[in-house]
Structures are given as C-alpha cells and as structure tokens.
Protein backbone atom coordinates (compact mmCIF):
# COMPACT_ATOMS: atom_id res chain seq x y z
CA MET A 1 105.05 84.47 111.24
CA SER A 2 106.96 87.77 112.72
CA THR A 3 109.37 87.41 115.86
CA MET A 4 109.71 90.44 117.89
CA ARG A 5 113.05 91.54 119.20
CA PHE A 6 113.94 94.56 121.65
CA ASN A 7 116.99 96.62 122.48
CA GLN A 8 118.27 98.18 125.19
CA ASP A 9 117.33 101.28 123.90
CA HIS A 10 113.42 100.27 123.97
CA GLN A 11 113.32 99.77 120.06
CA TRP A 12 111.57 97.21 119.04
CA ILE A 13 111.78 95.31 115.85
CA ARG A 14 108.87 93.03 113.95
CA LEU A 15 110.67 90.64 111.65
CA ASP A 16 108.69 88.82 108.77
CA GLY A 17 110.75 87.21 106.60
CA ASP A 18 113.64 89.79 105.21
CA GLU A 19 111.76 92.85 106.46
CA ALA A 20 111.56 94.53 109.59
CA VAL A 21 109.48 97.31 111.31
CA VAL A 22 110.87 99.15 114.11
CA GLY A 23 109.44 101.32 116.88
CA ILE A 24 109.61 102.54 120.41
CA THR A 25 107.77 100.35 123.27
CA ASP A 26 105.42 101.61 125.31
CA TYR A 27 107.55 101.99 128.26
CA ALA A 28 109.76 104.17 126.09
CA GLN A 29 106.84 106.37 125.04
CA ALA A 30 105.97 106.50 128.88
CA GLN A 31 109.44 107.76 129.58
CA LEU A 32 109.31 110.39 126.83
CA GLY A 33 105.72 111.90 127.45
CA GLU A 34 103.81 113.37 125.30
CA VAL A 35 105.61 112.81 121.69
CA VAL A 36 105.35 116.38 119.33
CA HIS A 37 107.75 115.67 116.72
CA VAL A 38 109.33 112.37 114.90
CA ASP A 39 112.36 112.44 112.37
CA LEU A 40 112.34 109.42 110.29
CA PRO A 41 115.18 108.10 107.94
CA GLU A 42 114.62 108.56 103.85
CA VAL A 43 113.02 106.11 102.18
CA GLY A 44 116.12 104.15 99.92
CA ALA A 45 118.62 105.25 102.51
CA ARG A 46 120.89 102.18 103.85
CA LEU A 47 121.28 102.27 107.69
CA GLU A 48 124.52 100.71 109.88
CA ARG A 49 123.60 99.33 113.47
CA GLY A 50 123.95 101.30 116.12
CA GLN A 51 124.17 104.53 113.75
CA GLU A 52 121.74 107.62 114.70
CA VAL A 53 119.27 107.54 112.04
CA ALA A 54 115.78 108.95 113.67
CA ALA A 55 114.39 111.53 116.42
CA VAL A 56 111.66 111.72 118.60
CA GLU A 57 110.94 114.86 120.46
CA SER A 58 108.76 114.79 123.19
CA VAL A 59 107.39 118.06 125.63
CA LYS A 60 110.17 116.82 128.10
CA VAL A 61 113.08 115.53 125.87
CA SER A 62 114.55 114.81 122.34
CA ASN A 63 115.97 111.90 121.81
CA GLY A 64 118.46 110.52 118.49
CA LEU A 65 117.73 106.24 117.87
CA ASP A 66 120.20 104.41 116.27
CA ALA A 67 119.39 101.69 114.25
CA PRO A 68 119.06 98.62 115.99
CA ILE A 69 119.26 96.41 112.77
CA SER A 70 121.33 97.05 109.59
CA GLY A 71 119.23 97.39 106.61
CA GLU A 72 117.70 99.40 103.72
CA VAL A 73 114.84 101.59 104.56
CA THR A 74 112.06 100.16 102.51
CA ALA A 75 109.08 102.45 103.79
CA VAL A 76 108.19 105.27 106.76
CA ASN A 77 105.56 106.14 108.47
CA ALA A 78 104.40 109.19 107.41
CA GLY A 79 101.11 108.81 109.76
CA VAL A 80 103.76 109.99 112.60
CA THR A 81 104.96 112.33 111.11
CA ASP A 82 102.09 113.90 110.46
CA ASP A 83 100.97 113.22 113.93
CA PRO A 84 103.41 112.38 116.38
CA THR A 85 101.04 111.62 119.05
CA MET A 86 99.85 108.04 117.34
CA VAL A 87 103.61 107.04 118.87
CA ASN A 88 101.76 107.77 121.77
CA VAL A 89 98.13 105.90 121.61
CA ASP A 90 99.71 102.53 119.97
CA PRO A 91 103.79 102.26 120.19
CA MET A 92 103.69 99.06 118.82
CA GLY A 93 101.13 99.08 116.08
CA ALA A 94 100.25 102.09 114.08
CA GLY A 95 102.71 104.22 115.49
CA TRP A 96 105.42 102.94 113.97
CA PHE A 97 108.68 104.13 112.24
CA TYR A 98 110.26 102.84 109.43
CA LYS A 99 110.64 99.26 107.85
CA VAL A 100 113.77 97.97 106.72
CA ARG A 101 114.85 95.22 104.22
CA VAL A 102 117.47 93.14 106.64
CA ALA A 103 121.16 93.40 105.43
CA ASP A 104 122.11 90.62 107.72
CA GLY A 105 119.61 88.47 109.62
CA LYS A 106 121.82 87.42 112.36
CA GLU A 107 122.26 90.81 114.00
CA SER A 108 118.53 90.33 114.88
CA LYS A 109 119.77 87.53 117.39
CA ALA A 110 122.05 90.26 119.23
CA LEU A 111 118.42 91.07 119.98
CA MET A 112 116.32 90.32 123.72
CA ASP A 113 112.93 88.15 123.20
CA GLU A 114 110.15 89.28 124.90
CA ALA A 115 110.38 87.68 127.89
CA ALA A 116 114.24 89.02 128.33
CA TYR A 117 112.95 92.63 127.26
CA MET A 118 110.78 92.62 130.30
CA THR A 119 113.08 91.09 132.62
CA PHE A 120 115.12 94.20 131.37
CA ILE A 121 112.53 96.72 132.43
CA ASP A 122 111.90 95.27 135.80
CA THR A 123 115.50 96.17 136.70
CA LEU A 124 115.02 99.55 135.70
CA THR A 125 111.87 100.33 137.48
CA THR A 126 113.27 98.15 141.12
C-alpha cells in the first residue's frame, strides 16, 4: 500500500516501499496557472532533501523545486516535459515529476499527512 506525504512547498510524495513518486499538489498547480515548461532531474542523480532539483515555469512565474526527500532518481516523467499541461490536468496522477529510491525512510516522517496538509492550506486561504 502506498502512503502520501506533503511538504509546505506544495509537493507530494507517494511512498511505495523504498521508492517515492514526486509531484506538485493541485493547490500548487492552481497557484501557478498554466504550466508551460517543466525541468526535471536526470535519472541517476543523487538528491539531498532541500536541494533544488527541478523547475516549473508557468505563464505567471518560474519556480524552483527542492527535493522533498533524499535519494537517487530512478525515473522521470517525459510526458510532463513533452506536454507540461499534464501538470494542470492531473497533478496528483499522470502529472507526476520523478521517482526516487529513498535514501532515508525517516525523512518522510517529517512530511505532513493529507489531513495536516489540508489544514495547512486552510491557513493560507483564510
């Protein structure tokens, strides 16, 4: 069974064993507006939590994305680089960014569960 975790930068990870899929939340894509370019890390890259590893460019703004968890990139979603609007259409599914083999499973415990993330969003919108 996979587990979803979130950070305050509006990224999600879906943990499945020692692998995590990483993307941005629906809230993030809504704030960005129409996504026009996504820059992803290379397969094989070693990421440290907090290190800038990707970028998302929209018609409004360009945002760097820090790794929410440390590990080695095992796959990237070429679909979002070919068609960045996938991020707007399905940010929590087909619009995922990359997969990483998690270096330290304890790092995910520092991330929010879905209920805590929804509470966090509520504080931003009130």
